[in-house]
PDB file of N, CA and C in Angstrom:
ATOM      1  N   MET A   1       0.855  -0.971   0.138  1.00  0.00           N
ATOM      2  CA  MET A   1       0.265   0.053   0.073  1.00  0.00           C
ATOM      3  C   MET A   1       1.090   1.200   0.037  1.00  0.00           C
ATOM      4  N   LYS A   2       0.490   2.379  -0.634  1.00  0.00           N
ATOM      5  CA  LYS A   2       1.118   3.267  -0.730  1.00  0.00           C
ATOM      6  C   LYS A   2       0.814   4.076  -0.364  1.00  0.00           C
ATOM      7  N   VAL A   3       1.247   5.026   0.880  1.00  0.00           N
ATOM      8  CA  VAL A   3       0.670   6.478   1.988  1.00  0.00           C
ATOM      9  C   VAL A   3       0.921   7.680   0.945  1.00  0.00           C
ATOM     10  N   THR A   4      -0.156   8.131   0.515  1.00  0.00           N
ATOM     11  CA  THR A   4       0.490   9.707   0.007  1.00  0.00           C
ATOM     12  C   THR A   4       0.541  11.034   1.542  1.00  0.00           C
ATOM     13  N   THR A   5       1.111  11.845   1.392  1.00  0.00           N
ATOM     14  CA  THR A   5       1.439  12.594   2.475  1.00  0.00           C
ATOM     15  C   THR A   5       1.278  14.057   1.990  1.00  0.00           C
ATOM     16  N   PRO A   6       0.601  14.767   3.288  1.00  0.00           N
ATOM     17  CA  PRO A   6       0.596  14.700   4.585  1.00  0.00           C
ATOM     18  C   PRO A   6      -0.792  13.819   4.345  1.00  0.00           C
ATOM     19  N   VAL A   7      -1.056  12.788   5.719  1.00  0.00           N
ATOM     20  CA  VAL A   7      -1.838  12.007   6.090  1.00  0.00           C
ATOM     21  C   VAL A   7      -2.938  13.009   7.001  1.00  0.00           C
ATOM     22  N   VAL A   8      -3.949  12.566   6.277  1.00  0.00           N
ATOM     23  CA  VAL A   8      -5.309  13.331   7.279  1.00  0.00           C
ATOM     24  C   VAL A   8      -5.677  12.075   8.220  1.00  0.00           C
ATOM     25  N   THR A   9      -5.363  12.214   9.996  1.00  0.00           N
ATOM     26  CA  THR A   9      -5.958  11.399  10.283  1.00  0.00           C
ATOM     27  C   THR A   9      -7.248  11.902  11.164  1.00  0.00           C
ATOM     28  N   ALA A  10      -8.099  10.735  11.551  1.00  0.00           N
ATOM     29  CA  ALA A  10      -9.279  10.390  12.384  1.00  0.00           C
ATOM     30  C   ALA A  10      -9.638   9.914  13.244  1.00  0.00           C
ATOM     31  N   ILE A  11     -10.028  10.382  14.825  1.00  0.00           N
ATOM     32  CA  ILE A  11      -9.732   9.564  15.479  1.00  0.00           C
ATOM     33  C   ILE A  11     -11.651  10.004  15.615  1.00  0.00           C
ATOM     34  N   ARG A  12     -12.914   8.791  16.095  1.00  0.00           N
ATOM     35  CA  ARG A  12     -14.126   9.053  17.276  1.00  0.00           C
ATOM     36  C   ARG A  12     -14.136   8.467  18.378  1.00  0.00           C
ATOM     37  N   THR A  13     -14.510   9.073  19.419  1.00  0.00           N
ATOM     38  CA  THR A  13     -14.260   8.313  20.370  1.00  0.00           C
ATOM     39  C   THR A  13     -16.088   7.859  20.889  1.00  0.00           C
ATOM     40  N   VAL A  14     -15.940   6.363  21.914  1.00  0.00           N
ATOM     41  CA  VAL A  14     -17.228   6.304  22.075  1.00  0.00           C
ATOM     42  C   VAL A  14     -16.840   6.213  23.933  1.00  0.00           C
ATOM     43  N   PRO A  15     -18.070   6.774  24.206  1.00  0.00           N
ATOM     44  CA  PRO A  15     -18.140   7.200  25.927  1.00  0.00           C
ATOM     45  C   PRO A  15     -18.096   5.581  26.243  1.00  0.00           C
ATOM     46  N   PRO A  16     -17.067   5.748  27.829  1.00  0.00           N
ATOM     47  CA  PRO A  16     -16.509   6.784  28.410  1.00  0.00           C
ATOM     48  C   PRO A  16     -15.483   7.582  27.732  1.00  0.00           C
ATOM     49  N   ALA A  17     -14.869   7.134  26.599  1.00  0.00           N
ATOM     50  CA  ALA A  17     -13.802   8.099  26.122  1.00  0.00           C
ATOM     51  C   ALA A  17     -14.130   9.137  25.686  1.00  0.00           C
ATOM     52  N   ASP A  18     -13.470  10.003  25.984  1.00  0.00           N
ATOM     53  CA  ASP A  18     -13.837  11.715  25.283  1.00  0.00           C
ATOM     54  C   ASP A  18     -12.425  12.643  24.856  1.00  0.00           C
ATOM     55  N   LEU A  19     -13.120  13.141  23.973  1.00  0.00           N
ATOM     56  CA  LEU A  19     -11.947  14.007  23.345  1.00  0.00           C
ATOM     57  C   LEU A  19     -12.697  15.563  23.285  1.00  0.00           C
ATOM     58  N   SER A  20     -13.795  15.654  23.783  1.00  0.00           N
ATOM     59  CA  SER A  20     -14.581  17.258  23.618  1.00  0.00           C
ATOM     60  C   SER A  20     -13.281  18.213  24.138  1.00  0.00           C
ATOM     61  N   LEU A  21     -12.626  18.392  25.259  1.00  0.00           N
ATOM     62  CA  LEU A  21     -11.468  18.849  25.462  1.00  0.00           C
ATOM     63  C   LEU A  21     -11.080  19.751  24.740  1.00  0.00           C
ATOM     64  N   LEU A  22     -10.566  19.090  23.817  1.00  0.00           N
ATOM     65  CA  LEU A  22      -9.955  19.306  22.735  1.00  0.00           C
ATOM     66  C   LEU A  22     -10.403  20.674  21.651  1.00  0.00           C
ATOM     67  N   GLU A  23     -11.658  20.441  21.657  1.00  0.00           N
ATOM     68  CA  GLU A  23     -12.408  21.684  21.048  1.00  0.00           C
ATOM     69  C   GLU A  23     -11.972  22.818  21.461  1.00  0.00           C
ATOM     70  N   GLY A  24     -11.455  23.612  19.951  1.00  0.00           N
ATOM     71  CA  GLY A  24     -11.258  25.006  20.206  1.00  0.00           C
ATOM     72  C   GLY A  24      -9.595  24.935  20.050  1.00  0.00           C
ATOM     73  N   VAL A  25      -8.974  23.857  20.053  1.00  0.00           N
ATOM     74  CA  VAL A  25      -7.341  23.893  20.706  1.00  0.00           C
ATOM     75  C   VAL A  25      -6.813  23.858  18.656  1.00  0.00           C
ATOM     76  N   PRO A  26      -6.101  25.326  18.868  1.00  0.00           N
ATOM     77  CA  PRO A  26      -5.345  25.363  17.664  1.00  0.00           C
ATOM     78  C   PRO A  26      -4.655  24.069  17.174  1.00  0.00           C
ATOM     79  N   GLY A  27      -4.937  23.890  15.826  1.00  0.00           N
ATOM     80  CA  GLY A  27      -4.480  22.820  14.972  1.00  0.00           C
ATOM     81  C   GLY A  27      -5.187  21.400  14.975  1.00  0.00           C
ATOM     82  N   VAL A  28      -6.356  21.608  16.461  1.00  0.00           N
ATOM     83  CA  VAL A  28      -6.871  20.171  16.060  1.00  0.00           C
ATOM     84  C   VAL A  28      -7.862  20.531  15.818  1.00  0.00           C
ATOM     85  N   ASP A  29      -8.927  19.620  14.647  1.00  0.00           N
ATOM     86  CA  ASP A  29     -10.302  19.631  14.160  1.00  0.00           C
ATOM     87  C   ASP A  29     -11.274  18.832  15.143  1.00  0.00           C
ATOM     88  N   TYR A  30     -11.802  19.421  15.994  1.00  0.00           N
ATOM     89  CA  TYR A  30     -13.109  18.368  16.786  1.00  0.00           C
ATOM     90  C   TYR A  30     -14.277  18.689  16.161  1.00  0.00           C
ATOM     91  N   LYS A  31     -15.063  17.833  16.225  1.00  0.00           N
ATOM     92  CA  LYS A  31     -16.388  18.066  15.607  1.00  0.00           C
ATOM     93  C   LYS A  31     -17.219  16.627  15.867  1.00  0.00           C
ATOM     94  N   ASP A  32     -18.598  16.401  16.710  1.00  0.00           N
ATOM     95  CA  ASP A  32     -19.607  15.468  16.252  1.00  0.00           C
ATOM     96  C   ASP A  32     -18.583  14.173  17.363  1.00  0.00           C
ATOM     97  N   GLY A  33     -17.856  14.323  18.053  1.00  0.00           N
ATOM     98  CA  GLY A  33     -17.038  13.406  18.920  1.00  0.00           C
ATOM     99  C   GLY A  33     -16.049  12.986  18.566  1.00  0.00           C
ATOM    100  N   ALA A  34     -15.370  13.219  17.253  1.00  0.00           N
ATOM    101  CA  ALA A  34     -14.349  13.025  16.247  1.00  0.00           C
ATOM    102  C   ALA A  34     -13.173  14.271  16.471  1.00  0.00           C
ATOM    103  N   VAL A  35     -11.874  13.495  16.200  1.00  0.00           N
ATOM    104  CA  VAL A  35     -10.714  14.852  16.264  1.00  0.00           C
ATOM    105  C   VAL A  35     -10.183  14.352  14.616  1.00  0.00           C
ATOM    106  N   SER A  36      -9.612  15.243  13.588  1.00  0.00           N
ATOM    107  CA  SER A  36      -9.113  15.243  12.650  1.00  0.00           C
ATOM    108  C   SER A  36      -7.687  15.704  12.790  1.00  0.00           C
ATOM    109  N   PHE A  37      -6.803  15.578  13.023  1.00  0.00           N
ATOM    110  CA  PHE A  37      -5.237  16.531  12.040  1.00  0.00           C
ATOM    111  C   PHE A  37      -4.626  16.137  10.970  1.00  0.00           C
ATOM    112  N   THR A  38      -3.937  16.794  10.527  1.00  0.00           N
ATOM    113  CA  THR A  38      -2.701  16.473   9.193  1.00  0.00           C
ATOM    114  C   THR A  38      -1.475  16.166   9.918  1.00  0.00           C
ATOM    115  N   ALA A  39      -1.003  15.119   9.383  1.00  0.00           N
ATOM    116  CA  ALA A  39       0.472  14.689  10.153  1.00  0.00           C
ATOM    117  C   ALA A  39       1.358  14.925   8.488  1.00  0.00           C
ATOM    118  N   ASP A  40       2.542  14.598   9.092  1.00  0.00           N
ATOM    119  CA  ASP A  40       3.331  14.889   7.618  1.00  0.00           C
ATOM    120  C   ASP A  40       3.667  13.365   7.651  1.00  0.00           C
ATOM    121  N   ASP A  41       3.686  12.210   8.146  1.00  0.00           N
ATOM    122  CA  ASP A  41       3.596  11.160   7.322  1.00  0.00           C
ATOM    123  C   ASP A  41       2.876   9.753   8.154  1.00  0.00           C
ATOM    124  N   LEU A  42       3.031   8.621   7.928  1.00  0.00           N
ATOM    125  CA  LEU A  42       2.195   7.588   8.344  1.00  0.00           C
ATOM    126  C   LEU A  42       2.865   7.776   9.969  1.00  0.00           C
ATOM    127  N   ASN A  43       3.596   7.431  10.231  1.00  0.00           N
ATOM    128  CA  ASN A  43       4.212   7.100  11.676  1.00  0.00           C
ATOM    129  C   ASN A  43       4.210   8.503  12.260  1.00  0.00           C
ATOM    130  N   ALA A  44       3.918   9.617  11.852  1.00  0.00           N
ATOM    131  CA  ALA A  44       3.535  10.978  12.609  1.00  0.00           C
ATOM    132  C   ALA A  44       2.074  10.474  12.814  1.00  0.00           C
ATOM    133  N   SER A  45       1.130  10.082  11.904  1.00  0.00           N
ATOM    134  CA  SER A  45      -0.245  10.030  12.360  1.00  0.00           C
ATOM    135  C   SER A  45      -0.276   8.637  13.120  1.00  0.00           C
ATOM    136  N   TYR A  46       0.256   7.795  13.352  1.00  0.00           N
ATOM    137  CA  TYR A  46       0.417   6.906  14.407  1.00  0.00           C
ATOM    138  C   TYR A  46       0.466   7.271  15.640  1.00  0.00           C
ATOM    139  N   ARG A  47       1.649   8.141  15.639  1.00  0.00           N
ATOM    140  CA  ARG A  47       2.146   8.472  17.294  1.00  0.00           C
ATOM    141  C   ARG A  47       1.062   9.478  17.445  1.00  0.00           C
ATOM    142  N   GLY A  48       0.605  10.397  16.356  1.00  0.00           N
ATOM    143  CA  GLY A  48      -0.790  11.064  17.070  1.00  0.00           C
ATOM    144  C   GLY A  48      -2.107  10.197  17.772  1.00  0.00           C
ATOM    145  N   LEU A  49      -2.570   9.319  17.090  1.00  0.00           N
ATOM    146  CA  LEU A  49      -3.437   8.389  17.436  1.00  0.00           C
ATOM    147  C   LEU A  49      -3.279   7.762  19.020  1.00  0.00           C
ATOM    148  N   GLU A  50      -2.272   7.298  18.833  1.00  0.00           N
ATOM    149  CA  GLU A  50      -1.818   6.971  20.425  1.00  0.00           C
ATOM    150  C   GLU A  50      -1.985   7.825  21.580  1.00  0.00           C
ATOM    151  N   ARG A  51      -1.616   9.223  20.864  1.00  0.00           N
ATOM    152  CA  ARG A  51      -1.660  10.410  22.162  1.00  0.00           C
ATOM    153  C   ARG A  51      -3.028  10.409  22.118  1.00  0.00           C
ATOM    154  N   LEU A  52      -4.082  10.694  21.458  1.00  0.00           N
ATOM    155  CA  LEU A  52      -5.092  10.788  21.690  1.00  0.00           C
ATOM    156  C   LEU A  52      -6.023  10.019  22.248  1.00  0.00           C
ATOM    157  N   VAL A  53      -5.632   8.352  22.011  1.00  0.00           N
ATOM    158  CA  VAL A  53      -6.396   7.218  22.709  1.00  0.00           C
ATOM    159  C   VAL A  53      -5.755   7.959  24.525  1.00  0.00           C
ATOM    160  N   GLY A  54      -4.700   8.345  24.545  1.00  0.00           N
ATOM    161  CA  GLY A  54      -4.123   8.489  25.636  1.00  0.00           C
ATOM    162  C   GLY A  54      -4.949  10.000  26.501  1.00  0.00           C
ATOM    163  N   VAL A  55      -5.671  10.737  25.759  1.00  0.00           N
ATOM    164  CA  VAL A  55      -6.338  12.139  26.038  1.00  0.00           C
ATOM    165  C   VAL A  55      -7.863  11.462  26.140  1.00  0.00           C
ATOM    166  N   ALA A  56      -8.265  10.629  25.134  1.00  0.00           N
ATOM    167  CA  ALA A  56      -9.555  10.132  25.616  1.00  0.00           C
ATOM    168  C   ALA A  56      -9.875   9.684  26.702  1.00  0.00           C
ATOM    169  N   THR A  57      -8.966   8.493  27.021  1.00  0.00           N
ATOM    170  CA  THR A  57      -9.050   7.659  27.874  1.00  0.00           C
ATOM    171  C   THR A  57      -9.069   8.345  29.221  1.00  0.00           C
ATOM    172  N   GLY A  58      -8.228   9.484  29.366  1.00  0.00           N
ATOM    173  CA  GLY A  58      -8.298  10.305  30.895  1.00  0.00           C
ATOM    174  C   GLY A  58      -9.969  10.699  31.314  1.00  0.00           C
ATOM    175  N   ALA A  59     -10.649  10.375  30.094  1.00  0.00           N
ATOM    176  CA  ALA A  59     -12.267  10.829  30.504  1.00  0.00           C
ATOM    177  C   ALA A  59     -12.550   9.698  31.599  1.00  0.00           C
ATOM    178  N   TYR A  60     -12.282   8.173  31.558  1.00  0.00           N
ATOM    179  CA  TYR A  60     -12.603   7.090  32.419  1.00  0.00           C
ATOM    180  C   TYR A  60     -12.232   7.202  33.353  1.00  0.00           C
ATOM    181  N   THR A  61     -11.727   8.684  34.077  1.00  0.00           N
ATOM    182  CA  THR A  61     -11.835   8.798  35.654  1.00  0.00           C
ATOM    183  C   THR A  61     -13.191   9.012  36.038  1.00  0.00           C
ATOM    184  N   GLY A  62     -14.365   9.738  35.125  1.00  0.00           N
ATOM    185  CA  GLY A  62     -15.298  10.026  35.366  1.00  0.00           C
ATOM    186  C   GLY A  62     -16.177   8.863  35.806  1.00  0.00           C
ATOM    187  N   VAL A  63     -15.925   7.852  35.693  1.00  0.00           N
ATOM    188  CA  VAL A  63     -16.870   6.864  35.927  1.00  0.00           C
ATOM    189  C   VAL A  63     -16.326   6.756  37.218  1.00  0.00           C
ATOM    190  N   LEU A  64     -14.850   6.103  37.362  1.00  0.00           N
ATOM    191  CA  LEU A  64     -14.845   5.716  38.909  1.00  0.00           C
ATOM    192  C   LEU A  64     -15.198   7.238  39.626  1.00  0.00           C
ATOM    193  N   PHE A  65     -15.029   8.363  39.500  1.00  0.00           N
ATOM    194  CA  PHE A  65     -15.553   9.259  40.287  1.00  0.00           C
ATOM    195  C   PHE A  65     -16.888   8.943  40.146  1.00  0.00           C
ATOM    196  N   GLU A  66     -18.260   8.799  39.470  1.00  0.00           N
ATOM    197  CA  GLU A  66     -19.608   8.547  39.437  1.00  0.00           C
ATOM    198  C   GLU A  66     -19.319   7.013  40.937  1.00  0.00           C
ATOM    199  N   ARG A  67     -19.166   5.905  40.535  1.00  0.00           N
ATOM    200  CA  ARG A  67     -19.109   5.055  41.537  1.00  0.00           C
ATOM    201  C   ARG A  67     -18.640   5.172  43.035  1.00  0.00           C
ATOM    202  N   LEU A  68     -16.904   6.357  43.035  1.00  0.00           N
ATOM    203  CA  LEU A  68     -17.301   6.745  44.252  1.00  0.00           C
ATOM    204  C   LEU A  68     -18.028   7.274  44.991  1.00  0.00           C
ATOM    205  N   ARG A  69     -18.750   8.203  43.692  1.00  0.00           N
ATOM    206  CA  ARG A  69     -19.560   9.158  45.261  1.00  0.00           C
ATOM    207  C   ARG A  69     -21.064   8.752  45.863  1.00  0.00           C
ATOM    208  N   GLY A  70     -21.157   7.407  44.764  1.00  0.00           N
ATOM    209  CA  GLY A  70     -22.450   6.640  45.923  1.00  0.00           C
ATOM    210  C   GLY A  70     -22.075   5.621  47.144  1.00  0.00           C
ATOM    211  N   ARG A  71     -20.546   6.027  47.407  1.00  0.00           N
ATOM    212  CA  ARG A  71     -20.041   4.942  48.278  1.00  0.00           C
ATOM    213  C   ARG A  71     -20.049   6.055  49.780  1.00  0.00           C
ATOM    214  N   PRO A  72     -20.580   5.130  50.570  1.00  0.00           N
ATOM    215  CA  PRO A  72     -20.916   5.903  52.144  1.00  0.00           C
ATOM    216  C   PRO A  72     -19.811   7.047  52.427  1.00  0.00           C
ATOM    217  N   ASP A  73     -18.913   6.313  52.364  1.00  0.00           N
ATOM    218  CA  ASP A  73     -17.656   7.126  53.046  1.00  0.00           C
ATOM    219  C   ASP A  73     -17.157   8.302  51.605  1.00  0.00           C
ATOM    220  N   TRP A  74     -17.723   8.653  50.698  1.00  0.00           N
ATOM    221  CA  TRP A  74     -17.066   9.420  49.730  1.00  0.00           C
ATOM    222  C   TRP A  74     -16.819  11.105  50.073  1.00  0.00           C
ATOM    223  N   THR A  75     -17.243  11.595  51.272  1.00  0.00           N
ATOM    224  CA  THR A  75     -17.502  12.896  51.775  1.00  0.00           C
ATOM    225  C   THR A  75     -15.353  12.325  52.369  1.00  0.00           C
ATOM    226  N   ARG A  76     -15.385  11.732  52.906  1.00  0.00           N
ATOM    227  CA  ARG A  76     -13.984  11.570  53.073  1.00  0.00           C
ATOM    228  C   ARG A  76     -13.094  11.529  52.320  1.00  0.00           C
ATOM    229  N   LEU A  77     -13.522  10.492  51.190  1.00  0.00           N
ATOM    230  CA  LEU A  77     -12.647  10.134  49.783  1.00  0.00           C
ATOM    231  C   LEU A  77     -12.565  11.261  49.364  1.00  0.00           C
ATOM    232  N   GLU A  78     -13.682  12.147  49.407  1.00  0.00           N
ATOM    233  CA  GLU A  78     -13.156  13.493  47.807  1.00  0.00           C
ATOM    234  C   GLU A  78     -12.882  14.506  49.103  1.00  0.00           C
ATOM    235  N   SER A  79     -12.432  14.531  50.235  1.00  0.00           N
ATOM    236  CA  SER A  79     -11.355  15.606  51.313  1.00  0.00           C
ATOM    237  C   SER A  79     -10.306  14.943  50.991  1.00  0.00           C
ATOM    238  N   ASP A  80     -10.164  14.163  50.872  1.00  0.00           N
ATOM    239  CA  ASP A  80      -8.596  13.235  51.045  1.00  0.00           C
ATOM    240  C   ASP A  80      -8.194  13.353  49.545  1.00  0.00           C
ATOM    241  N   TYR A  81      -8.839  13.677  48.494  1.00  0.00           N
ATOM    242  CA  TYR A  81      -8.502  13.772  47.113  1.00  0.00           C
ATOM    243  C   TYR A  81      -8.055  15.285  47.112  1.00  0.00           C
ATOM    244  N   SER A  82      -8.924  16.313  47.332  1.00  0.00           N
ATOM    245  CA  SER A  82      -8.937  17.757  47.278  1.00  0.00           C
ATOM    246  C   SER A  82      -7.325  17.928  48.120  1.00  0.00           C
ATOM    247  N   GLN A  83      -7.493  17.506  49.216  1.00  0.00           N
ATOM    248  CA  GLN A  83      -6.265  17.677  50.607  1.00  0.00           C
ATOM    249  C   GLN A  83      -4.687  17.227  49.224  1.00  0.00           C
ATOM    250  N   ALA A  84      -4.738  15.859  48.871  1.00  0.00           N
ATOM    251  CA  ALA A  84      -4.148  15.421  48.237  1.00  0.00           C
ATOM    252  C   ALA A  84      -3.316  16.353  46.495  1.00  0.00           C
ATOM    253  N   LEU A  85      -4.384  16.695  46.106  1.00  0.00           N
ATOM    254  CA  LEU A  85      -4.125  17.776  44.810  1.00  0.00           C
ATOM    255  C   LEU A  85      -3.420  18.977  45.546  1.00  0.00           C
ATOM    256  N   GLU A  86      -4.235  19.584  46.730  1.00  0.00           N
ATOM    257  CA  GLU A  86      -3.567  20.706  46.987  1.00  0.00           C
ATOM    258  C   GLU A  86      -2.066  20.787  47.555  1.00  0.00           C
ATOM    259  N   GLN A  87      -1.743  19.574  48.126  1.00  0.00           N
ATOM    260  CA  GLN A  87      -0.335  19.055  48.710  1.00  0.00           C
ATOM    261  C   GLN A  87       0.636  18.607  47.381  1.00  0.00           C
ATOM    262  N   ARG A  88       0.252  18.221  46.658  1.00  0.00           N
ATOM    263  CA  ARG A  88       0.713  18.121  45.189  1.00  0.00           C
ATOM    264  C   ARG A  88       1.513  19.425  44.831  1.00  0.00           C
ATOM    265  N   TRP A  89       0.645  20.404  44.509  1.00  0.00           N
ATOM    266  CA  TRP A  89       0.573  21.685  44.060  1.00  0.00           C
ATOM    267  C   TRP A  89       1.771  22.361  44.924  1.00  0.00           C
ATOM    268  N   PHE A  90       1.393  21.828  46.245  1.00  0.00           N
ATOM    269  CA  PHE A  90       2.404  23.155  47.117  1.00  0.00           C
ATOM    270  C   PHE A  90       3.780  22.271  47.244  1.00  0.00           C
ATOM    271  N   ASP A  91       3.998  20.831  47.080  1.00  0.00           N
ATOM    272  CA  ASP A  91       5.173  19.818  47.007  1.00  0.00           C
ATOM    273  C   ASP A  91       5.891  20.646  45.617  1.00  0.00           C
ATOM    274  N   VAL A  92       5.178  20.765  44.250  1.00  0.00           N
ATOM    275  CA  VAL A  92       5.708  21.200  42.831  1.00  0.00           C
ATOM    276  C   VAL A  92       6.462  22.586  42.887  1.00  0.00           C
ATOM    277  N   GLU A  93       5.285  23.113  43.576  1.00  0.00           N
ATOM    278  CA  GLU A  93       5.608  24.819  43.691  1.00  0.00           C
ATOM    279  C   GLU A  93       7.018  25.163  44.756  1.00  0.00           C
ATOM    280  N   SER A  94       7.031  24.034  45.594  1.00  0.00           N
ATOM    281  CA  SER A  94       8.313  24.641  47.067  1.00  0.00           C
ATOM    282  C   SER A  94       9.716  23.385  46.123  1.00  0.00           C
ATOM    283  N   GLY A  95       9.401  22.935  44.919  1.00  0.00           N
ATOM    284  CA  GLY A  95      10.673  22.047  44.407  1.00  0.00           C
ATOM    285  C   GLY A  95      10.648  20.602  45.997  1.00  0.00           C
ATOM    286  N   ARG A  96       9.889  20.284  46.082  1.00  0.00           N
ATOM    287  CA  ARG A  96      10.009  19.234  46.696  1.00  0.00           C
ATOM    288  C   ARG A  96       9.478  17.806  46.163  1.00  0.00           C
ATOM    289  N   TRP A  97       8.872  18.019  45.062  1.00  0.00           N
ATOM    290  CA  TRP A  97       8.304  17.041  44.345  1.00  0.00           C
ATOM    291  C   TRP A  97       8.562  17.226  42.929  1.00  0.00           C
ATOM    292  N   THR A  98       8.897  16.493  42.089  1.00  0.00           N
ATOM    293  CA  THR A  98       9.261  16.709  40.624  1.00  0.00           C
ATOM    294  C   THR A  98       8.589  15.542  39.573  1.00  0.00           C
ATOM    295  N   ARG A  99       8.396  15.988  38.866  1.00  0.00           N
ATOM    296  CA  ARG A  99       7.724  14.744  37.665  1.00  0.00           C
ATOM    297  C   ARG A  99       8.310  13.776  37.361  1.00  0.00           C
ATOM    298  N   PRO A 100       8.240  12.310  37.876  1.00  0.00           N
ATOM    299  CA  PRO A 100       9.162  11.148  37.393  1.00  0.00           C
ATOM    300  C   PRO A 100       9.291  11.317  36.443  1.00  0.00           C
ATOM    301  N   ARG A 101      10.445  10.918  35.403  1.00  0.00           N
ATOM    302  CA  ARG A 101      10.727  10.645  34.232  1.00  0.00           C
ATOM    303  C   ARG A 101       9.741   9.214  33.720  1.00  0.00           C
ATOM    304  N   PRO A 102       9.536   9.960  32.225  1.00  0.00           N
ATOM    305  CA  PRO A 102       8.683   8.715  31.720  1.00  0.00           C
ATOM    306  C   PRO A 102       9.734   7.314  31.166  1.00  0.00           C
ATOM    307  N   ALA A 103       8.991   6.342  31.247  1.00  0.00           N
ATOM    308  CA  ALA A 103       9.662   5.152  30.939  1.00  0.00           C
ATOM    309  C   ALA A 103       9.448   5.416  29.657  1.00  0.00           C
ATOM    310  N   ALA A 104      11.192   5.103  28.647  1.00  0.00           N
ATOM    311  CA  ALA A 104      11.335   4.802  27.319  1.00  0.00           C
ATOM    312  C   ALA A 104       9.822   3.724  26.638  1.00  0.00           C
ATOM    313  N   PRO A 105       9.455   4.258  25.925  1.00  0.00           N
ATOM    314  CA  PRO A 105       8.216   3.081  25.220  1.00  0.00           C
ATOM    315  C   PRO A 105       9.009   1.896  24.206  1.00  0.00           C
ATOM    316  N   PRO A 106       8.691   0.799  24.604  1.00  0.00           N
ATOM    317  CA  PRO A 106       9.300  -0.491  23.851  1.00  0.00           C
ATOM    318  C   PRO A 106       9.392   0.071  22.191  1.00  0.00           C
ATOM    319  N   ALA A 107      10.766  -0.396  21.482  1.00  0.00           N
ATOM    320  CA  ALA A 107      11.053  -0.550  20.283  1.00  0.00           C
ATOM    321  C   ALA A 107       9.443  -1.112  19.702  1.00  0.00           C
ATOM    322  N   ARG A 108       9.347  -0.401  18.395  1.00  0.00           N
ATOM    323  CA  ARG A 108       8.488  -1.732  17.829  1.00  0.00           C
ATOM    324  C   ARG A 108       7.498  -1.522  16.131  1.00  0.00           C
ATOM    325  N   LYS A 109       7.114  -2.280  15.778  1.00  0.00           N
ATOM    326  CA  LYS A 109       7.042  -1.748  14.631  1.00  0.00           C
ATOM    327  C   LYS A 109       5.908  -1.564  14.335  1.00  0.00           C
ATOM    328  N   HIS A 110       4.905  -1.347  13.425  1.00  0.00           N
ATOM    329  CA  HIS A 110       3.275  -1.101  13.457  1.00  0.00           C
ATOM    330  C   HIS A 110       2.734  -0.819  11.790  1.00  0.00           C
ATOM    331  N   HIS A 111       1.475  -1.517  11.379  1.00  0.00           N
ATOM    332  CA  HIS A 111       1.551  -1.849  10.403  1.00  0.00           C
ATOM    333  C   HIS A 111       2.229  -2.051   9.372  1.00  0.00           C
ATOM    334  N   GLY A 112       3.317  -2.156   9.738  1.00  0.00           N
ATOM    335  CA  GLY A 112       4.749  -2.723   8.358  1.00  0.00           C
ATOM    336  C   GLY A 112       5.445  -1.260   8.029  1.00  0.00           C
ATOM    337  N   PHE A 113       5.388  -0.048   9.351  1.00  0.00           N
ATOM    338  CA  PHE A 113       6.322   1.406   9.470  1.00  0.00           C
ATOM    339  C   PHE A 113       7.964   0.414  10.011  1.00  0.00           C
ATOM    340  N   GLN A 114       8.694   0.762   9.289  1.00  0.00           N
ATOM    341  CA  GLN A 114       9.804   0.616   9.764  1.00  0.00           C
ATOM    342  C   GLN A 114      10.782   1.537  10.146  1.00  0.00           C
TER     343      GLN A 114
END
C-alpha cells in the first residue's frame, strides 16, 4: 500500500472515552465526538493517534468518580483527594516534588512501518 502525504487522520470516541476537551485547540479539528489532524507521514499519524487515545481515556476517571460518589465514605474520600491535590501543588511549587521521568516506550513496528 502506498500512502500519500500529508496524512489526514481522524479518531472518533465512544463513551466513556471523550475528546471534547480538545474543542477549540489550534491545529485540532474537533467535531461530533471526533478529532482530526494532518500529519507529515504515517508514523507521525500513528503517534498522534496513540496520544489522542491517551487523552480520550483520561475521561475514564469520570466513571471512577461516579462510583465513588455512591459510597458511604465519599465525603472523606473527596476531602482526602482534594487535600492530596493541594499538597501536590504546594510540593511542586516548593521544589519538593518533580515529575518522574517517563519510561522509554518499547521499540516496535506497526502496520509495516519500520
